[in-house]
Amino acid sequence: KPEDLYPLFAKGLVDQEMNQTDAWIEIPEEVRDMYKIWRPTPLVRAYGLEKALDTPAHIYFKNESVSPVGSHKLNSAIPQAYFCKKEGVTNVTTETGAGQWGASMAMAAKHFGLELAVYMVKVSYEQKPFRREVMRTYGASVTPSPSETTAIGRKILQEHPGTTGSLGCAISEAVEVATSTPGYRYVLGSVLNQVLLHQRVIGLETKAALDKYNIVPDIIIGCAGGGSNLGGLISPFMGEKLRGEKDYRFIAVEPASCPSFTRGKFAYDFCDTGMVCPLAKMYTLGSNFIPSPNHAGGLRYHGMSSILSQLYHDGYM
């Protein structure tokens, strides 16, 4: 129930997470004002790629790298920070893999006057020092995870000495700090319904641009780690497909080192390694899954958005 999640997330975000009645939710004015810094992002025709592939296909990509932190993650960081601030929250905790979400949250927290503590997957913390320092430049504290600073971190280190960490571990640590400290809340960069809702701005802009030039795509492709980028991109098109208005082919592209869709099970599982978060029904490799320590830092989550998992399970994607 919503009240079960209030100790963890800001109430406004929980209400978005659990909302099953509204097709549209208004974007607050303060969030829109921040979006204006870099949105709308360009929809670009990839002439060079078409030529290199020698393909008759017309290829377009939605360039989210023009945001101040270089990724789509800011689309959700800003509303999450806004709702926390609005409710009188002073401190937020979060996890990050490669650091795109951590950097986005650090910028958003700074703008809204929140203190941010980031638990960064240890292997990425070591591989990506520049991303780490971007977060610190915005005033966030950054701790390699699993760490000795939390009970769950110490437990994971005891059971897996020398582990390179995972997003599941980092989530557990961030959640422990948020739920055990008054005035704190936790924010998450992917997977959740509220995050897909915020990322929908990608798909809405893409559709508006394509409609303007009377372009109807045949195939819509997105990379899938936890599902925020893919879910945001496909949502307006998937809506048309579900309503029987148009037919599109949707393709999720996932990392071979963390293949939750293709090699996971569709089951109820914990969203974190420490098993403190609620269960979610999703494609999962198991909450104790530790991926290989390769460079693809953000694509290391053991599970997948429940919405996307259901769509994949039902054969829509």
C-alpha atoms as a PDB file:
ATOM      1  CA  LYS A   1       0.000   0.000   0.000  1.00  0.00           C
ATOM      2  CA  PRO A   2       1.157   3.623  -0.463  1.00  0.00           C
ATOM      3  CA  GLU A   3       1.613   4.122   3.287  1.00  0.00           C
ATOM      4  CA  ASP A   4       4.109   1.223   3.345  1.00  0.00           C
ATOM      5  CA  LEU A   5       6.363   3.289   1.057  1.00  0.00           C
ATOM      6  CA  TYR A   6       6.035   6.685   2.800  1.00  0.00           C
ATOM      7  CA  PRO A   7       9.026   6.067   5.144  1.00  0.00           C
ATOM      8  CA  LEU A   8      11.190   5.371   2.072  1.00  0.00           C
ATOM      9  CA  PHE A   9      10.103   7.854  -0.632  1.00  0.00           C
ATOM     10  CA  ALA A  10       8.576  11.338  -0.664  1.00  0.00           C
ATOM     11  CA  LYS A  11       4.771  11.107  -0.516  1.00  0.00           C
ATOM     12  CA  GLY A  12       4.255  12.871  -3.855  1.00  0.00           C
ATOM     13  CA  LEU A  13       6.485  10.293  -5.547  1.00  0.00           C
ATOM     14  CA  VAL A  14       4.744   7.349  -3.830  1.00  0.00           C
ATOM     15  CA  ASP A  15       1.414   8.680  -5.102  1.00  0.00           C
ATOM     16  CA  GLN A  16       2.844   8.701  -8.650  1.00  0.00           C
ATOM     17  CA  GLU A  17       4.287   5.210  -8.131  1.00  0.00           C
ATOM     18  CA  MET A  18       0.944   3.718  -7.076  1.00  0.00           C
ATOM     19  CA  ASN A  19      -1.335   5.780  -9.355  1.00  0.00           C
ATOM     20  CA  GLN A  20      -3.550   3.527 -11.477  1.00  0.00           C
ATOM     21  CA  THR A  21      -6.235   6.014 -12.449  1.00  0.00           C
ATOM     22  CA  ASP A  22      -4.644   8.994 -14.229  1.00  0.00           C
ATOM     23  CA  ALA A  23      -3.393   8.712 -17.804  1.00  0.00           C
ATOM     24  CA  TRP A  24      -1.725  12.129 -17.492  1.00  0.00           C
ATOM     25  CA  ILE A  25       0.034  13.767 -14.542  1.00  0.00           C
ATOM     26  CA  GLU A  26       0.935  17.459 -14.787  1.00  0.00           C
ATOM     27  CA  ILE A  27       4.634  18.422 -14.686  1.00  0.00           C
ATOM     28  CA  PRO A  28       5.133  21.027 -11.907  1.00  0.00           C
ATOM     29  CA  GLU A  29       6.140  24.488 -13.109  1.00  0.00           C
ATOM     30  CA  GLU A  30       9.462  24.463 -11.202  1.00  0.00           C
ATOM     31  CA  VAL A  31      10.399  21.186 -12.896  1.00  0.00           C
ATOM     32  CA  ARG A  32       9.474  22.609 -16.319  1.00  0.00           C
ATOM     33  CA  ASP A  33      11.666  25.640 -15.648  1.00  0.00           C
ATOM     34  CA  MET A  34      14.635  23.356 -15.020  1.00  0.00           C
ATOM     35  CA  TYR A  35      13.836  21.247 -18.102  1.00  0.00           C
ATOM     36  CA  LYS A  36      14.018  24.418 -20.225  1.00  0.00           C
ATOM     37  CA  ILE A  37      17.801  24.496 -19.668  1.00  0.00           C
ATOM     38  CA  TRP A  38      18.238  21.661 -22.193  1.00  0.00           C
ATOM     39  CA  ARG A  39      14.846  20.386 -23.347  1.00  0.00           C
ATOM     40  CA  PRO A  40      13.595  19.606 -25.907  1.00  0.00           C
ATOM     41  CA  THR A  41      16.556  17.446 -26.853  1.00  0.00           C
ATOM     42  CA  PRO A  42      17.320  16.981 -30.568  1.00  0.00           C
ATOM     43  CA  LEU A  43      15.923  14.125 -32.630  1.00  0.00           C
ATOM     44  CA  VAL A  44      18.756  13.534 -35.098  1.00  0.00           C
ATOM     45  CA  ARG A  45      18.812  11.648 -38.381  1.00  0.00           C
ATOM     46  CA  ALA A  46      21.919   9.435 -38.442  1.00  0.00           C
ATOM     47  CA  TYR A  47      22.936   9.878 -42.092  1.00  0.00           C
ATOM     48  CA  GLY A  48      26.508   8.733 -41.419  1.00  0.00           C
ATOM     49  CA  LEU A  49      25.372   5.546 -39.706  1.00  0.00           C
ATOM     50  CA  GLU A  50      22.907   4.786 -42.501  1.00  0.00           C
ATOM     51  CA  LYS A  51      25.763   5.136 -45.011  1.00  0.00           C
ATOM     52  CA  ALA A  52      28.171   3.009 -42.964  1.00  0.00           C
ATOM     53  CA  LEU A  53      25.579   0.245 -42.650  1.00  0.00           C
ATOM     54  CA  ASP A  54      24.577   0.589 -46.311  1.00  0.00           C
ATOM     55  CA  THR A  55      20.954   0.309 -45.202  1.00  0.00           C
ATOM     56  CA  PRO A  56      17.754   1.560 -46.847  1.00  0.00           C
ATOM     57  CA  ALA A  57      16.441   2.277 -43.318  1.00  0.00           C
ATOM     58  CA  HIS A  58      16.113   5.834 -42.054  1.00  0.00           C
ATOM     59  CA  ILE A  59      17.689   5.904 -38.588  1.00  0.00           C
ATOM     60  CA  TYR A  60      16.863   8.566 -36.014  1.00  0.00           C
ATOM     61  CA  PHE A  61      18.215   8.890 -32.488  1.00  0.00           C
ATOM     62  CA  LYS A  62      16.997  10.975 -29.567  1.00  0.00           C
ATOM     63  CA  ASN A  63      20.097  12.706 -28.242  1.00  0.00           C
ATOM     64  CA  GLU A  64      19.763  12.866 -24.449  1.00  0.00           C
ATOM     65  CA  SER A  65      23.490  13.551 -23.995  1.00  0.00           C
ATOM     66  CA  VAL A  66      22.900  17.306 -24.319  1.00  0.00           C
ATOM     67  CA  SER A  67      21.674  17.527 -20.701  1.00  0.00           C
ATOM     68  CA  PRO A  68      24.043  19.335 -18.291  1.00  0.00           C
ATOM     69  CA  VAL A  69      25.250  15.993 -16.892  1.00  0.00           C
ATOM     70  CA  GLY A  70      25.279  14.134 -20.207  1.00  0.00           C
ATOM     71  CA  SER A  71      22.400  11.684 -19.867  1.00  0.00           C
ATOM     72  CA  HIS A  72      18.629  11.199 -19.656  1.00  0.00           C
ATOM     73  CA  LYS A  73      18.809  10.624 -15.882  1.00  0.00           C
ATOM     74  CA  LEU A  74      18.262  14.306 -15.084  1.00  0.00           C
ATOM     75  CA  ASN A  75      14.658  13.976 -16.353  1.00  0.00           C
ATOM     76  CA  SER A  76      13.803  12.060 -13.182  1.00  0.00           C
ATOM     77  CA  ALA A  77      16.364  13.529 -10.759  1.00  0.00           C
ATOM     78  CA  ILE A  78      14.766  16.980 -10.953  1.00  0.00           C
ATOM     79  CA  PRO A  79      11.167  15.941 -10.130  1.00  0.00           C
ATOM     80  CA  GLN A  80      12.377  13.580  -7.405  1.00  0.00           C
ATOM     81  CA  ALA A  81      14.422  16.342  -5.750  1.00  0.00           C
ATOM     82  CA  TYR A  82      11.510  18.774  -6.196  1.00  0.00           C
ATOM     83  CA  PHE A  83       8.983  16.531  -4.416  1.00  0.00           C
ATOM     84  CA  CYS A  84      11.441  15.787  -1.601  1.00  0.00           C
ATOM     85  CA  LYS A  85      12.097  19.501  -1.072  1.00  0.00           C
ATOM     86  CA  LYS A  86       8.379  20.315  -1.235  1.00  0.00           C
ATOM     87  CA  GLU A  87       7.715  17.897   1.632  1.00  0.00           C
ATOM     88  CA  GLY A  88      10.416  19.279   3.901  1.00  0.00           C
ATOM     89  CA  VAL A  89      12.941  16.489   3.370  1.00  0.00           C
ATOM     90  CA  THR A  90      16.485  17.726   4.134  1.00  0.00           C
ATOM     91  CA  ASN A  91      18.652  14.754   3.102  1.00  0.00           C
ATOM     92  CA  VAL A  92      18.389  12.161   0.353  1.00  0.00           C
ATOM     93  CA  THR A  93      20.334   8.966  -0.286  1.00  0.00           C
ATOM     94  CA  THR A  94      20.766   7.066  -3.517  1.00  0.00           C
ATOM     95  CA  GLU A  95      22.899   4.541  -5.376  1.00  0.00           C
ATOM     96  CA  THR A  96      24.672   4.843  -8.711  1.00  0.00           C
ATOM     97  CA  GLY A  97      26.468   2.481 -11.080  1.00  0.00           C
ATOM     98  CA  ALA A  98      28.525   4.315 -13.696  1.00  0.00           C
ATOM     99  CA  GLY A  99      27.576   7.604 -12.063  1.00  0.00           C
ATOM    100  CA  GLN A 100      25.098   9.131 -14.525  1.00  0.00           C
ATOM    101  CA  TRP A 101      22.272   8.931 -11.998  1.00  0.00           C
ATOM    102  CA  GLY A 102      24.520  10.028  -9.134  1.00  0.00           C
ATOM    103  CA  ALA A 103      25.716  13.071 -11.086  1.00  0.00           C
ATOM    104  CA  SER A 104      22.135  13.951 -12.102  1.00  0.00           C
ATOM    105  CA  MET A 105      20.872  13.622  -8.539  1.00  0.00           C
ATOM    106  CA  ALA A 106      23.813  15.677  -7.244  1.00  0.00           C
ATOM    107  CA  MET A 107      22.924  18.551  -9.585  1.00  0.00           C
ATOM    108  CA  ALA A 108      19.198  18.338  -8.740  1.00  0.00           C
ATOM    109  CA  ALA A 109      19.873  18.137  -4.988  1.00  0.00           C
ATOM    110  CA  LYS A 110      22.147  21.175  -5.175  1.00  0.00           C
ATOM    111  CA  HIS A 111      19.480  23.160  -7.036  1.00  0.00           C
ATOM    112  CA  PHE A 112      16.770  22.371  -4.465  1.00  0.00           C
ATOM    113  CA  GLY A 113      19.038  22.697  -1.408  1.00  0.00           C
ATOM    114  CA  LEU A 114      19.139  19.037  -0.381  1.00  0.00           C
ATOM    115  CA  GLU A 115      22.076  17.129   1.113  1.00  0.00           C
ATOM    116  CA  LEU A 116      22.841  14.001  -0.933  1.00  0.00           C
ATOM    117  CA  ALA A 117      24.695  10.811   0.011  1.00  0.00           C
ATOM    118  CA  VAL A 118      25.580   8.541  -2.936  1.00  0.00           C
ATOM    119  CA  TYR A 119      26.596   4.874  -2.694  1.00  0.00           C
ATOM    120  CA  MET A 120      28.516   4.117  -5.877  1.00  0.00           C
ATOM    121  CA  VAL A 121      29.197   0.558  -7.067  1.00  0.00           C
ATOM    122  CA  LYS A 122      32.792  -0.057  -6.009  1.00  0.00           C
ATOM    123  CA  VAL A 123      34.142  -1.131  -9.401  1.00  0.00           C
ATOM    124  CA  SER A 124      32.689   2.005 -11.047  1.00  0.00           C
ATOM    125  CA  TYR A 125      33.956   4.177  -8.187  1.00  0.00           C
ATOM    126  CA  GLU A 126      37.452   2.945  -9.067  1.00  0.00           C
ATOM    127  CA  GLN A 127      37.016   2.907 -12.881  1.00  0.00           C
ATOM    128  CA  LYS A 128      35.305   6.308 -13.222  1.00  0.00           C
ATOM    129  CA  PRO A 129      36.997   8.850 -10.931  1.00  0.00           C
ATOM    130  CA  PHE A 130      35.841  11.826 -13.021  1.00  0.00           C
ATOM    131  CA  ARG A 131      32.146  10.940 -12.671  1.00  0.00           C
ATOM    132  CA  ARG A 132      32.709  10.526  -8.947  1.00  0.00           C
ATOM    133  CA  GLU A 133      34.271  13.985  -8.679  1.00  0.00           C
ATOM    134  CA  VAL A 134      31.402  15.599 -10.630  1.00  0.00           C
ATOM    135  CA  MET A 135      29.084  14.450  -7.821  1.00  0.00           C
ATOM    136  CA  ARG A 136      31.424  15.820  -5.172  1.00  0.00           C
ATOM    137  CA  THR A 137      31.720  19.118  -7.073  1.00  0.00           C
ATOM    138  CA  TYR A 138      27.943  19.505  -6.698  1.00  0.00           C
ATOM    139  CA  GLY A 139      28.334  18.866  -2.949  1.00  0.00           C
ATOM    140  CA  ALA A 140      27.308  15.197  -2.679  1.00  0.00           C
ATOM    141  CA  SER A 141      29.174  12.671  -0.546  1.00  0.00           C
ATOM    142  CA  VAL A 142      30.226   9.541  -2.485  1.00  0.00           C
ATOM    143  CA  THR A 143      30.988   6.178  -0.835  1.00  0.00           C
ATOM    144  CA  PRO A 144      32.184   3.040  -2.688  1.00  0.00           C
ATOM    145  CA  SER A 145      29.698   0.200  -2.147  1.00  0.00           C
ATOM    146  CA  PRO A 146      29.602  -2.207  -0.409  1.00  0.00           C
ATOM    147  CA  SER A 147      31.121  -0.202   2.449  1.00  0.00           C
ATOM    148  CA  GLU A 148      31.824  -0.471   6.170  1.00  0.00           C
ATOM    149  CA  THR A 149      29.496   2.481   6.859  1.00  0.00           C
ATOM    150  CA  THR A 150      26.259   0.424   7.001  1.00  0.00           C
ATOM    151  CA  ALA A 151      25.229  -2.840   8.669  1.00  0.00           C
ATOM    152  CA  ILE A 152      24.177  -4.358   5.333  1.00  0.00           C
ATOM    153  CA  GLY A 153      27.451  -3.262   3.701  1.00  0.00           C
ATOM    154  CA  ARG A 154      29.494  -4.940   6.445  1.00  0.00           C
ATOM    155  CA  LYS A 155      27.395  -8.102   6.107  1.00  0.00           C
ATOM    156  CA  ILE A 156      27.906  -8.251   2.308  1.00  0.00           C
ATOM    157  CA  LEU A 157      31.674  -7.678   2.706  1.00  0.00           C
ATOM    158  CA  GLN A 158      31.844 -10.441   5.303  1.00  0.00           C
ATOM    159  CA  GLU A 159      30.013 -12.893   3.018  1.00  0.00           C
ATOM    160  CA  HIS A 160      31.798 -11.758  -0.190  1.00  0.00           C
ATOM    161  CA  PRO A 161      35.260 -10.433   0.726  1.00  0.00           C
ATOM    162  CA  GLY A 162      36.803  -8.335  -2.044  1.00  0.00           C
ATOM    163  CA  THR A 163      33.529  -8.071  -4.002  1.00  0.00           C
ATOM    164  CA  THR A 164      33.386  -5.442  -6.756  1.00  0.00           C
ATOM    165  CA  GLY A 165      29.800  -4.623  -5.749  1.00  0.00           C
ATOM    166  CA  SER A 166      26.507  -4.303  -7.595  1.00  0.00           C
ATOM    167  CA  LEU A 167      23.600  -1.883  -7.824  1.00  0.00           C
ATOM    168  CA  GLY A 168      21.658  -4.264  -5.551  1.00  0.00           C
ATOM    169  CA  CYS A 169      24.307  -3.797  -2.820  1.00  0.00           C
ATOM    170  CA  ALA A 170      24.397  -0.014  -3.252  1.00  0.00           C
ATOM    171  CA  ILE A 171      20.578   0.205  -3.099  1.00  0.00           C
ATOM    172  CA  SER A 172      20.558  -1.734   0.204  1.00  0.00           C
ATOM    173  CA  GLU A 173      23.064   0.653   1.767  1.00  0.00           C
ATOM    174  CA  ALA A 174      21.251   3.792   0.582  1.00  0.00           C
ATOM    175  CA  VAL A 175      17.889   2.425   1.768  1.00  0.00           C
ATOM    176  CA  GLU A 176      19.308   1.485   5.191  1.00  0.00           C
ATOM    177  CA  VAL A 177      20.607   5.019   5.762  1.00  0.00           C
ATOM    178  CA  ALA A 178      17.362   6.639   4.517  1.00  0.00           C
ATOM    179  CA  THR A 179      15.032   4.502   6.648  1.00  0.00           C
ATOM    180  CA  SER A 180      17.109   4.701   9.834  1.00  0.00           C
ATOM    181  CA  THR A 181      17.718   8.476   9.857  1.00  0.00           C
ATOM    182  CA  PRO A 182      14.947  11.046  10.583  1.00  0.00           C
ATOM    183  CA  GLY A 183      14.370  13.627   7.826  1.00  0.00           C
ATOM    184  CA  TYR A 184      15.938  11.385   5.170  1.00  0.00           C
ATOM    185  CA  ARG A 185      14.357   9.889   2.061  1.00  0.00           C
ATOM    186  CA  TYR A 186      15.633   7.595  -0.684  1.00  0.00           C
ATOM    187  CA  VAL A 187      15.580   8.288  -4.449  1.00  0.00           C
ATOM    188  CA  LEU A 188      16.037   5.730  -7.247  1.00  0.00           C
ATOM    189  CA  GLY A 189      17.234   6.323 -10.810  1.00  0.00           C
ATOM    190  CA  SER A 190      15.467   3.574 -12.754  1.00  0.00           C
ATOM    191  CA  VAL A 191      13.074   0.582 -12.583  1.00  0.00           C
ATOM    192  CA  LEU A 192      10.228   2.279 -10.645  1.00  0.00           C
ATOM    193  CA  ASN A 193       6.922   3.360 -12.210  1.00  0.00           C
ATOM    194  CA  GLN A 194       7.497   6.997 -11.127  1.00  0.00           C
ATOM    195  CA  VAL A 195      10.862   7.043 -12.940  1.00  0.00           C
ATOM    196  CA  LEU A 196       9.330   5.723 -16.176  1.00  0.00           C
ATOM    197  CA  LEU A 197       6.651   8.391 -15.786  1.00  0.00           C
ATOM    198  CA  HIS A 198       9.278  11.164 -15.580  1.00  0.00           C
ATOM    199  CA  GLN A 199      11.282   9.697 -18.478  1.00  0.00           C
ATOM    200  CA  ARG A 200       8.170   9.703 -20.640  1.00  0.00           C
ATOM    201  CA  VAL A 201       9.224  13.218 -21.681  1.00  0.00           C
ATOM    202  CA  ILE A 202      11.727  11.492 -24.042  1.00  0.00           C
ATOM    203  CA  GLY A 203       9.008   9.555 -25.842  1.00  0.00           C
ATOM    204  CA  LEU A 204       6.536  12.445 -25.927  1.00  0.00           C
ATOM    205  CA  GLU A 205       9.111  14.743 -27.540  1.00  0.00           C
ATOM    206  CA  THR A 206      10.185  12.013 -29.983  1.00  0.00           C
ATOM    207  CA  LYS A 207       6.584  11.425 -31.038  1.00  0.00           C
ATOM    208  CA  ALA A 208       5.899  15.164 -31.415  1.00  0.00           C
ATOM    209  CA  ALA A 209       8.972  15.568 -33.657  1.00  0.00           C
ATOM    210  CA  LEU A 210       8.125  12.536 -35.818  1.00  0.00           C
ATOM    211  CA  ASP A 211       4.480  13.618 -36.130  1.00  0.00           C
ATOM    212  CA  LYS A 212       5.600  17.085 -37.246  1.00  0.00           C
ATOM    213  CA  TYR A 213       7.332  15.526 -40.268  1.00  0.00           C
ATOM    214  CA  ASN A 214       4.717  12.795 -40.825  1.00  0.00           C
ATOM    215  CA  ILE A 215       7.201  10.037 -40.000  1.00  0.00           C
ATOM    216  CA  VAL A 216       5.786   6.774 -38.634  1.00  0.00           C
ATOM    217  CA  PRO A 217       8.549   4.514 -37.251  1.00  0.00           C
ATOM    218  CA  ASP A 218       8.496   0.775 -37.955  1.00  0.00           C
ATOM    219  CA  ILE A 219      10.884  -0.217 -35.184  1.00  0.00           C
ATOM    220  CA  ILE A 220      11.663   1.510 -31.867  1.00  0.00           C
ATOM    221  CA  ILE A 221      14.857   0.421 -30.122  1.00  0.00           C
ATOM    222  CA  GLY A 222      16.247   1.321 -26.720  1.00  0.00           C
ATOM    223  CA  CYS A 223      18.936   0.085 -24.366  1.00  0.00           C
ATOM    224  CA  ALA A 224      17.589  -1.555 -21.207  1.00  0.00           C
ATOM    225  CA  GLY A 225      19.432  -1.681 -17.887  1.00  0.00           C
ATOM    226  CA  GLY A 226      16.675  -1.101 -15.347  1.00  0.00           C
ATOM    227  CA  GLY A 227      14.225   0.245 -17.922  1.00  0.00           C
ATOM    228  CA  SER A 228      13.971   4.037 -17.508  1.00  0.00           C
ATOM    229  CA  ASN A 229      15.440   5.028 -20.892  1.00  0.00           C
ATOM    230  CA  LEU A 230      13.587   2.337 -22.842  1.00  0.00           C
ATOM    231  CA  GLY A 231      10.307   2.835 -20.937  1.00  0.00           C
ATOM    232  CA  GLY A 232      10.442   6.589 -21.417  1.00  0.00           C
ATOM    233  CA  LEU A 233      11.123   6.330 -25.136  1.00  0.00           C
ATOM    234  CA  ILE A 234       8.495   3.734 -26.047  1.00  0.00           C
ATOM    235  CA  SER A 235       5.594   4.773 -23.784  1.00  0.00           C
ATOM    236  CA  PRO A 236       3.509   6.948 -26.170  1.00  0.00           C
ATOM    237  CA  PHE A 237       4.067   4.502 -29.029  1.00  0.00           C
ATOM    238  CA  MET A 238       3.263   1.497 -26.824  1.00  0.00           C
ATOM    239  CA  GLY A 239       0.064   3.273 -25.778  1.00  0.00           C
ATOM    240  CA  GLU A 240      -1.004   3.402 -29.437  1.00  0.00           C
ATOM    241  CA  LYS A 241      -0.145  -0.277 -29.868  1.00  0.00           C
ATOM    242  CA  LEU A 242      -2.076  -1.342 -26.743  1.00  0.00           C
ATOM    243  CA  ARG A 243      -5.099   0.672 -27.872  1.00  0.00           C
ATOM    244  CA  GLY A 244      -4.935  -0.938 -31.329  1.00  0.00           C
ATOM    245  CA  GLU A 245      -4.344   2.397 -33.087  1.00  0.00           C
ATOM    246  CA  LYS A 246      -0.948   1.552 -34.640  1.00  0.00           C
ATOM    247  CA  ASP A 247       1.486  -1.322 -34.762  1.00  0.00           C
ATOM    248  CA  TYR A 248       5.170  -0.946 -33.954  1.00  0.00           C
ATOM    249  CA  ARG A 249       7.984  -3.392 -33.324  1.00  0.00           C
ATOM    250  CA  PHE A 250       9.772  -2.720 -30.017  1.00  0.00           C
ATOM    251  CA  ILE A 251      13.263  -4.024 -29.305  1.00  0.00           C
ATOM    252  CA  ALA A 252      15.021  -3.877 -25.941  1.00  0.00           C
ATOM    253  CA  VAL A 253      18.828  -4.150 -26.129  1.00  0.00           C
ATOM    254  CA  GLU A 254      20.422  -5.388 -22.923  1.00  0.00           C
ATOM    255  CA  PRO A 255      24.001  -6.099 -21.766  1.00  0.00           C
ATOM    256  CA  ALA A 256      25.176  -9.705 -22.156  1.00  0.00           C
ATOM    257  CA  SER A 257      26.818  -9.463 -18.727  1.00  0.00           C
ATOM    258  CA  CYS A 258      23.498  -8.652 -17.002  1.00  0.00           C
ATOM    259  CA  PRO A 259      20.766 -10.126 -19.244  1.00  0.00           C
ATOM    260  CA  SER A 260      17.663  -9.918 -17.046  1.00  0.00           C
ATOM    261  CA  PHE A 261      15.113 -10.178 -19.896  1.00  0.00           C
ATOM    262  CA  THR A 262      16.688 -12.999 -21.865  1.00  0.00           C
ATOM    263  CA  ARG A 263      18.138 -15.070 -19.032  1.00  0.00           C
ATOM    264  CA  GLY A 264      16.176 -13.953 -15.982  1.00  0.00           C
ATOM    265  CA  LYS A 265      12.961 -15.355 -14.513  1.00  0.00           C
ATOM    266  CA  PHE A 266       9.636 -13.504 -14.360  1.00  0.00           C
ATOM    267  CA  ALA A 267       9.066 -13.712 -10.612  1.00  0.00           C
ATOM    268  CA  TYR A 268       8.636 -11.784  -7.382  1.00  0.00           C
ATOM    269  CA  ASP A 269      12.084 -10.808  -6.139  1.00  0.00           C
ATOM    270  CA  PHE A 270      13.803  -8.305  -3.887  1.00  0.00           C
ATOM    271  CA  CYS A 271      14.897  -5.088  -5.568  1.00  0.00           C
ATOM    272  CA  ASP A 272      18.125  -5.098  -3.534  1.00  0.00           C
ATOM    273  CA  THR A 273      20.811  -7.534  -2.389  1.00  0.00           C
ATOM    274  CA  GLY A 274      20.179  -6.898   1.312  1.00  0.00           C
ATOM    275  CA  MET A 275      16.493  -7.847   0.878  1.00  0.00           C
ATOM    276  CA  VAL A 276      15.140  -4.784   2.692  1.00  0.00           C
ATOM    277  CA  CYS A 277      13.083  -3.305  -0.183  1.00  0.00           C
ATOM    278  CA  PRO A 278       9.594  -4.541  -1.111  1.00  0.00           C
ATOM    279  CA  LEU A 279       9.268  -7.418  -3.574  1.00  0.00           C
ATOM    280  CA  ALA A 280       8.608  -6.560  -7.215  1.00  0.00           C
ATOM    281  CA  LYS A 281       7.340  -8.814  -9.977  1.00  0.00           C
ATOM    282  CA  MET A 282       9.944  -8.511 -12.707  1.00  0.00           C
ATOM    283  CA  TYR A 283      12.438 -10.309 -14.881  1.00  0.00           C
ATOM    284  CA  THR A 284      15.309 -10.953 -12.487  1.00  0.00           C
ATOM    285  CA  LEU A 285      18.660 -12.721 -12.324  1.00  0.00           C
ATOM    286  CA  GLY A 286      18.290 -12.935  -8.526  1.00  0.00           C
ATOM    287  CA  SER A 287      18.900 -10.199  -5.955  1.00  0.00           C
ATOM    288  CA  ASN A 288      22.282 -11.717  -5.031  1.00  0.00           C
ATOM    289  CA  PHE A 289      23.556 -11.586  -8.636  1.00  0.00           C
ATOM    290  CA  ILE A 290      26.949  -9.858  -8.936  1.00  0.00           C
ATOM    291  CA  PRO A 291      27.772  -8.994 -12.580  1.00  0.00           C
ATOM    292  CA  SER A 292      31.253  -9.104 -14.097  1.00  0.00           C
ATOM    293  CA  PRO A 293      33.371  -6.001 -13.344  1.00  0.00           C
ATOM    294  CA  ASN A 294      33.348  -4.677 -16.923  1.00  0.00           C
ATOM    295  CA  HIS A 295      33.221  -1.020 -17.942  1.00  0.00           C
ATOM    296  CA  ALA A 296      29.466  -0.845 -18.685  1.00  0.00           C
ATOM    297  CA  GLY A 297      28.846   0.506 -15.224  1.00  0.00           C
ATOM    298  CA  GLY A 298      25.203   1.488 -15.308  1.00  0.00           C
ATOM    299  CA  LEU A 299      23.889  -1.706 -16.874  1.00  0.00           C
ATOM    300  CA  ARG A 300      24.466  -3.830 -13.804  1.00  0.00           C
ATOM    301  CA  TYR A 301      21.046  -4.173 -12.192  1.00  0.00           C
ATOM    302  CA  HIS A 302      19.740  -7.690 -11.548  1.00  0.00           C
ATOM    303  CA  GLY A 303      16.104  -6.817 -12.294  1.00  0.00           C
ATOM    304  CA  MET A 304      13.947  -4.919 -14.767  1.00  0.00           C
ATOM    305  CA  SER A 305      11.067  -2.432 -14.557  1.00  0.00           C
ATOM    306  CA  SER A 306       7.824  -4.244 -13.649  1.00  0.00           C
ATOM    307  CA  ILE A 307       5.950  -2.444 -16.451  1.00  0.00           C
ATOM    308  CA  LEU A 308       8.496  -3.455 -19.099  1.00  0.00           C
ATOM    309  CA  SER A 309       8.717  -6.977 -17.663  1.00  0.00           C
ATOM    310  CA  GLN A 310       4.954  -7.391 -18.068  1.00  0.00           C
ATOM    311  CA  LEU A 311       5.014  -5.996 -21.628  1.00  0.00           C
ATOM    312  CA  TYR A 312       7.856  -8.365 -22.569  1.00  0.00           C
ATOM    313  CA  HIS A 313       6.116 -11.306 -20.896  1.00  0.00           C
ATOM    314  CA  ASP A 314       2.905 -10.550 -22.820  1.00  0.00           C
ATOM    315  CA  GLY A 315       4.787 -10.442 -26.132  1.00  0.00           C
ATOM    316  CA  TYR A 316       4.488  -6.705 -26.864  1.00  0.00           C
ATOM    317  CA  MET A 317       8.238  -6.187 -26.953  1.00  0.00           C
END
